[in-house]
Protein backbone atom coordinates (compact mmCIF):
# COMPACT_ATOMS: atom_id res chain seq x y z
CA MET A 1 -22.00 -3.72 -3.19
CA ILE A 2 -20.78 -3.76 -6.74
CA ARG A 3 -20.76 -0.42 -8.49
CA PRO A 4 -22.04 -1.19 -12.82
CA GLY A 5 -21.46 2.14 -13.54
CA TRP A 6 -17.69 3.64 -14.09
CA GLN A 7 -18.33 7.22 -12.69
CA SER A 8 -16.11 7.20 -10.55
CA LEU A 9 -13.84 4.48 -11.56
CA MET A 10 -12.01 7.49 -14.19
CA GLN A 11 -11.29 10.11 -11.56
CA ARG A 12 -7.93 10.62 -11.79
CA SER A 13 -7.26 13.82 -9.47
CA VAL A 14 -3.91 13.25 -7.89
CA SER A 15 -3.73 14.38 -4.05
CA PRO A 16 -0.95 16.37 -3.10
CA ILE A 17 0.54 13.98 -1.18
CA PHE A 18 2.25 12.81 -3.62
CA VAL A 19 2.80 15.41 -6.27
CA THR A 20 4.25 18.02 -3.98
CA GLN A 21 8.00 17.70 -3.78
CA ARG A 22 9.03 16.74 0.51
CA LEU A 23 9.22 20.39 1.52
CA GLY A 24 12.21 19.75 4.05
CA LEU A 25 14.50 18.65 0.54
CA ARG A 26 15.68 22.71 0.33
CA PHE A 27 17.49 22.46 3.40
CA ALA A 28 19.70 19.98 2.76
CA GLY A 29 22.45 21.89 2.06
CA HIS A 30 23.84 24.86 -0.35
CA SER A 31 24.61 22.88 -3.20
CA LYS A 32 23.17 20.61 -5.83
CA TRP A 33 25.04 18.07 -4.45
CA ALA A 34 24.42 18.27 -1.18
CA ASN A 35 20.68 18.14 -2.26
CA ILE A 36 21.49 14.65 -3.94
CA LYS A 37 23.56 13.09 -1.50
CA HIS A 38 20.49 13.60 0.94
CA ASP A 39 17.96 12.44 -1.52
CA LYS A 40 19.63 9.46 -2.23
CA ALA A 41 20.47 8.83 1.41
CA LYS A 42 16.65 9.11 1.67
CA ASN A 43 15.86 6.77 -1.34
CA ASP A 44 18.55 4.13 -0.05
CA ALA A 45 16.61 3.87 3.23
CA LYS A 46 12.94 3.39 1.97
CA LYS A 47 14.34 0.63 -0.30
CA SER A 48 16.09 -0.86 2.61
CA LYS A 49 12.95 -0.55 4.21
CA GLU A 50 10.66 -1.72 1.32
CA ALA A 51 13.28 -4.82 0.97
CA THR A 52 13.00 -5.76 5.10
CA PHE A 53 8.97 -5.46 5.05
CA MET A 54 8.85 -7.47 1.33
CA VAL A 55 10.81 -10.36 3.38
CA THR A 56 8.40 -9.94 6.17
CA ARG A 57 5.14 -10.40 3.51
CA ILE A 58 6.47 -13.24 2.30
CA GLU A 59 6.89 -14.85 5.80
CA SER A 60 3.48 -14.16 6.49
CA CYS A 61 1.84 -15.17 2.95
CA VAL A 62 3.42 -18.27 3.37
CA ARG A 63 1.96 -18.79 6.78
CA THR A 64 -1.39 -18.47 6.05
CA GLY A 65 -1.45 -19.17 2.41
CA GLY A 66 1.04 -22.01 2.08
CA LYS A 67 4.37 -22.57 -0.66
CA GLU A 68 2.35 -23.99 -3.44
CA GLY A 69 -0.29 -22.81 -5.25
CA ASN A 70 0.18 -19.78 -3.64
CA ALA A 71 -0.34 -16.95 -6.81
CA THR A 72 0.39 -14.08 -4.02
CA LEU A 73 3.76 -15.41 -2.53
CA GLU A 74 4.28 -15.67 -6.39
CA SER A 75 3.65 -11.92 -6.80
CA LEU A 76 5.79 -11.27 -4.09
CA LEU A 77 8.33 -12.61 -5.07
CA GLU A 78 8.91 -10.58 -8.31
CA LYS A 79 8.60 -8.28 -6.44
CA ALA A 80 11.52 -9.22 -4.02
CA LYS A 81 13.80 -9.80 -7.08
CA LYS A 82 13.13 -6.15 -8.12
CA LEU A 83 14.42 -5.01 -4.94
CA ASN A 84 17.30 -7.11 -4.92
CA VAL A 85 16.55 -9.22 -2.13
CA SER A 86 18.93 -12.28 -1.98
CA LYS A 87 17.80 -15.69 -2.57
CA GLN A 88 18.79 -17.03 0.38
CA VAL A 89 17.19 -14.22 2.75
CA VAL A 90 13.95 -15.34 0.80
CA GLN A 91 14.07 -19.10 1.30
CA ASN A 92 14.91 -18.36 4.70
CA ALA A 93 11.50 -16.05 4.93
CA ILE A 94 9.72 -18.86 3.54
CA LYS A 95 10.94 -21.73 5.66
CA ARG A 96 10.26 -19.43 8.33
CA GLY A 97 6.73 -19.24 7.19
CA ALA A 98 6.06 -22.91 6.63
CA GLY A 99 7.49 -23.47 9.77
CA GLU A 100 10.46 -25.39 8.51
CA ILE A 101 12.76 -23.41 10.80
CA GLU A 102 12.37 -20.84 14.02
CA GLY A 103 12.07 -17.28 13.21
CA SER A 104 13.84 -14.40 15.13
CA ALA A 105 11.87 -12.09 17.88
CA ILE A 106 8.63 -12.67 17.20
CA GLN A 107 6.43 -10.08 15.68
CA ASN A 108 3.31 -8.40 16.44
CA GLU A 109 0.69 -6.68 13.96
CA VAL A 110 -0.31 -3.61 15.75
CA SER A 111 -2.26 -0.59 14.23
CA TYR A 112 -2.62 2.79 16.17
CA GLU A 113 -5.71 5.01 15.48
CA PHE A 114 -5.18 9.71 14.95
CA ILE A 115 -7.30 12.85 14.44
CA GLY A 116 -5.52 15.67 13.01
CA PRO A 117 -6.48 19.11 11.95
CA GLY A 118 -9.45 19.15 9.08
CA GLY A 119 -10.62 16.02 10.21
CA VAL A 120 -8.21 13.83 9.12
CA ALA A 121 -8.45 10.59 10.24
CA ILE A 122 -5.42 8.25 9.86
CA ILE A 123 -4.63 4.22 11.11
CA VAL A 124 -1.45 3.35 10.97
CA ALA A 125 -0.19 -0.08 10.94
CA ALA A 126 2.97 -1.64 12.10
CA LEU A 127 4.89 -4.86 12.52
CA THR A 128 6.91 -5.08 15.90
CA ASP A 129 8.80 -6.64 18.43
CA ASN A 130 8.57 -3.89 21.08
CA LYS A 131 4.96 -1.88 21.11
CA ALA A 132 6.36 0.78 23.61
CA ARG A 133 9.11 1.42 20.99
CA THR A 134 7.09 1.70 18.09
CA ILE A 135 4.13 4.01 19.31
CA MET A 136 6.71 6.24 21.03
CA ARG A 137 7.74 6.41 16.98
CA VAL A 138 4.77 6.51 15.44
CA LYS A 139 3.88 9.85 18.32
CA THR A 140 6.53 11.74 17.64
CA ALA A 141 5.81 11.05 13.32
CA LEU A 142 2.50 12.35 13.85
CA ALA A 143 3.38 15.42 16.28
CA TYR A 144 4.31 17.18 13.55
CA PHE A 145 0.52 17.59 12.30
CA SER A 146 -0.59 17.81 15.35
CA ALA A 147 -2.17 14.55 15.19
CA SER A 148 -3.52 12.72 18.76
CA MET A 149 -4.27 9.50 19.26
CA SER A 150 -8.12 9.17 18.87
CA PRO A 151 -10.48 6.38 17.85
CA CYS A 152 -11.35 6.28 14.38
CA ASN A 153 -11.53 2.90 13.17
CA TYR A 154 -15.57 3.05 12.61
CA MET A 155 -14.90 5.58 9.75
CA PHE A 156 -13.38 2.75 8.29
CA SER A 157 -13.81 -0.82 6.75
CA LYS A 158 -11.43 -3.82 7.11
CA LYS A 159 -11.23 -4.90 3.50
CA GLY A 160 -8.87 -6.93 0.99
CA GLU A 161 -7.69 -4.95 -1.79
CA ILE A 162 -6.46 -7.06 -4.71
CA LEU A 163 -5.22 -5.31 -7.76
CA PHE A 164 -4.13 -6.63 -11.06
CA LYS A 165 -3.64 -6.31 -15.18
CA PRO A 166 -5.03 -7.64 -17.80
CA GLY A 167 -3.12 -11.05 -19.31
CA LYS A 168 -2.10 -11.46 -22.79
CA ASP A 169 -5.25 -11.45 -24.02
CA GLY A 170 -6.39 -8.28 -22.03
CA ASP A 171 -6.97 -6.30 -25.14
CA ASN A 172 -9.73 -8.04 -25.95
CA GLN A 173 -11.46 -8.01 -22.58
CA SER A 174 -14.16 -5.83 -22.21
CA SER A 175 -15.13 -3.90 -18.78
CA ASP A 176 -17.95 -5.64 -18.25
CA GLU A 177 -16.51 -9.07 -19.11
CA VAL A 178 -14.06 -8.85 -15.84
CA LEU A 179 -17.03 -7.39 -14.21
CA GLU A 180 -18.07 -10.51 -14.60
CA LEU A 181 -15.82 -12.44 -13.44
CA ALA A 182 -15.47 -9.87 -10.48
CA LEU A 183 -18.93 -10.77 -9.79
CA GLU A 184 -18.50 -14.87 -9.90
CA LEU A 185 -15.51 -14.51 -7.68
CA GLY A 186 -17.50 -12.75 -4.85
CA ALA A 187 -16.02 -9.19 -5.05
CA ASP A 188 -17.65 -6.73 -2.55
CA ASP A 189 -16.82 -3.97 -4.67
CA PHE A 190 -14.73 -3.83 -8.23
CA GLU A 191 -13.00 -0.82 -9.92
CA GLU A 192 -11.57 -0.44 -13.38
CA LEU A 193 -8.91 2.09 -13.03
CA ASP A 194 -6.91 3.80 -16.09
CA LEU A 195 -4.83 5.95 -14.61
CA ASP A 196 -1.83 8.40 -16.36
CA ASP A 197 1.79 7.55 -15.81
CA ASP A 198 3.59 10.05 -13.18
CA PHE A 199 6.90 10.44 -15.72
CA LYS A 200 5.50 9.26 -19.39
CA PRO A 201 2.53 11.60 -20.19
CA ASN A 202 1.50 9.44 -23.31
CA LEU A 203 1.48 5.88 -21.13
CA LYS A 204 -1.54 4.59 -19.41
CA HIS A 205 -2.04 1.92 -17.39
CA LYS A 206 -5.11 -0.47 -16.74
CA VAL A 207 -5.38 -1.60 -13.79
CA TYR A 208 -8.39 -3.54 -11.90
CA ARG A 209 -9.08 -3.02 -8.63
CA LEU A 210 -10.77 -5.96 -6.51
CA ILE A 211 -12.10 -5.53 -3.03
CA CYS A 212 -13.42 -8.72 -0.99
CA GLU A 213 -13.51 -10.04 2.37
CA PRO A 214 -9.77 -10.13 4.08
CA GLY A 215 -9.83 -13.97 4.38
CA ASP A 216 -10.91 -14.38 0.45
CA ILE A 217 -7.91 -13.09 -0.89
CA TYR A 218 -5.66 -15.60 -1.42
CA SER A 219 -8.23 -17.61 -3.07
CA ILE A 220 -9.63 -15.08 -5.48
CA CYS A 221 -5.53 -14.42 -6.33
CA ASN A 222 -5.05 -17.99 -7.46
CA GLN A 223 -8.20 -18.06 -9.19
CA LEU A 224 -7.45 -14.74 -11.10
CA THR A 225 -4.01 -15.89 -12.36
CA SER A 226 -5.28 -19.54 -13.51
CA LYS A 227 -7.20 -17.17 -15.78
CA GLY A 228 -4.12 -15.13 -17.06
CA TYR A 229 -4.21 -12.48 -15.30
CA LYS A 230 -1.42 -10.52 -13.84
CA LEU A 231 -1.37 -9.28 -10.13
CA HIS A 232 -0.05 -5.76 -9.24
CA ASP A 233 -0.74 -6.45 -5.32
CA SER A 234 -3.07 -7.63 -2.76
CA THR A 235 -3.03 -6.51 0.48
CA VAL A 236 -5.51 -5.77 3.88
CA ARG A 237 -6.19 -1.93 3.98
CA TYR A 238 -8.78 0.39 5.95
CA LEU A 239 -10.81 1.72 3.49
CA ALA A 240 -12.19 5.16 4.48
CA GLU A 241 -16.32 5.53 4.13
CA LYS A 242 -17.43 7.76 1.36
CA ASP A 243 -19.51 10.15 4.17
CA VAL A 244 -16.50 10.58 6.45
CA GLN A 245 -13.45 11.75 3.33
CA VAL A 246 -12.18 14.88 3.60
CA GLN A 247 -10.47 17.42 1.37
CA PHE A 248 -6.92 17.27 1.99
CA PRO A 249 -5.31 19.89 4.69
CA GLU A 250 -3.69 22.30 2.66
CA GLU A 251 -3.14 25.17 5.73
CA HIS A 252 -1.61 22.23 7.74
CA SER A 253 0.73 20.43 4.29
CA LYS A 254 3.82 21.18 5.52
CA GLY A 255 3.26 19.53 9.01
CA PHE A 256 1.41 16.76 7.23
CA LEU A 257 3.53 16.12 4.73
CA ARG A 258 6.68 15.94 7.51
CA ALA A 259 4.83 13.35 9.43
CA ILE A 260 4.13 11.44 6.81
CA ASP A 261 7.59 11.51 5.60
CA ASN A 262 8.74 10.48 9.02
CA LEU A 263 6.15 7.61 9.10
CA ASP A 264 7.69 6.61 5.75
CA GLN A 265 11.30 6.41 7.70
CA THR A 266 10.09 4.62 10.54
CA PRO A 267 11.23 0.90 10.04
CA GLU A 268 8.26 -0.50 11.55
CA VAL A 269 5.70 0.97 10.12
CA THR A 270 4.27 -0.94 7.19
CA ASP A 271 1.28 1.16 6.03
CA TYR A 272 -0.73 3.56 6.57
CA PHE A 273 -4.31 5.25 5.76
CA THR A 274 -6.33 8.20 5.93
CA ASN A 275 -9.77 9.41 5.10
CA ILE A 276 -8.45 12.06 2.46
CA GLU A 277 -10.33 11.82 -0.54
CA ASN A 278 -8.45 9.97 -3.72
CA GLU A 279 -5.37 9.55 -1.71
CA HIS A 280 -5.01 5.93 -2.02
CA GLU A 281 -5.85 6.27 -5.20
CA SER A 282 -2.87 8.27 -5.57
CA ARG A 283 -0.40 6.09 -4.36
CA ILE A 284 -1.88 3.38 -6.41
CA GLN A 285 -0.79 5.34 -9.30
CA SER A 286 2.26 6.12 -7.85
CA SER A 287 3.32 2.59 -7.29
CA LEU A 288 2.69 2.07 -11.40
CA SER A 289 5.25 4.52 -12.23
C-alpha cells in the first residue's frame, strides 16, 4: 500500500554492517603496507566480481526486455563503463541476450534460505552452472555466523525495486508530484530518501525508491526515463516484512560480518537479503557514496 506520509522516509540510521570496519583487517600483517596490499587485493577482487556480475545482468536484461527502448539496459551499460568493462565483452553479452550468439555454460538462478542467531533470516541469491559447488560455498561462508539452512521465504515479499534520481528539473518537483507519478505507474510502495553521503558530510543524495511487481520493472523504468528521471538501479529483491524484522545481532557481530565478507567474495553469489532492520537502506546509502 502506498504510504502517503513521509515518517519512514527520513529514518537514516545506518546498520553496523556498513559502518564497522572489517574485523579481519587487523590480522593482515604487521605493517601499514601489508594492510594496504591486503585491502587492495580485496577491493580488486570485489571490483572484478562486480564487473562479471554486471555482464551477466546485461545479458539477462536484454533477454527479458530487448535491446531497443530498454532504459534498464542503458543504466547497466553506464555502470559497466564505470567498472571498465571492455566494449567487446559488453557487446558479446548483448548478443547472447538477444540470441545472436551462443553463450557458454548455462547459468541457473538459485536461492538459499538460512536462519542464524538472533532470528536473523538470510536469503542468498546466486547464479551458477554447478549447484552442488555453490551451495557448499554458501554454507561454508554462513557457518561463521552459525547459520543453518531453514525455510524463511515466508518472511519476505519478492518485489521489483527501482531507485531513481530527480532529472534536470528535479528541484522544481515536489514530493507529492513524484508520489502522484508513482501511483500512475502502478507502484505498490514509494519512498523519498534524503541520504547523507558517507564521505562528504555536507552532501545529501535525494533518491526515490519505487516498489512494484517484478514483471513491471522494465515498463516502469522506461516511463521514468521518458519523463526525465535518472535511473540509479533496478532489480528484483526479497523485502522483509515489517513484523519479522530484527535488530543487528550485536553479540554475534564478528561472525556475522565475517560471513557477509565471505559471501561478498563468493563468485556465484549475486546478492543477499536479510530481515535486519534498516540494513537494506544502509546498502542503498553506501551505493550512492
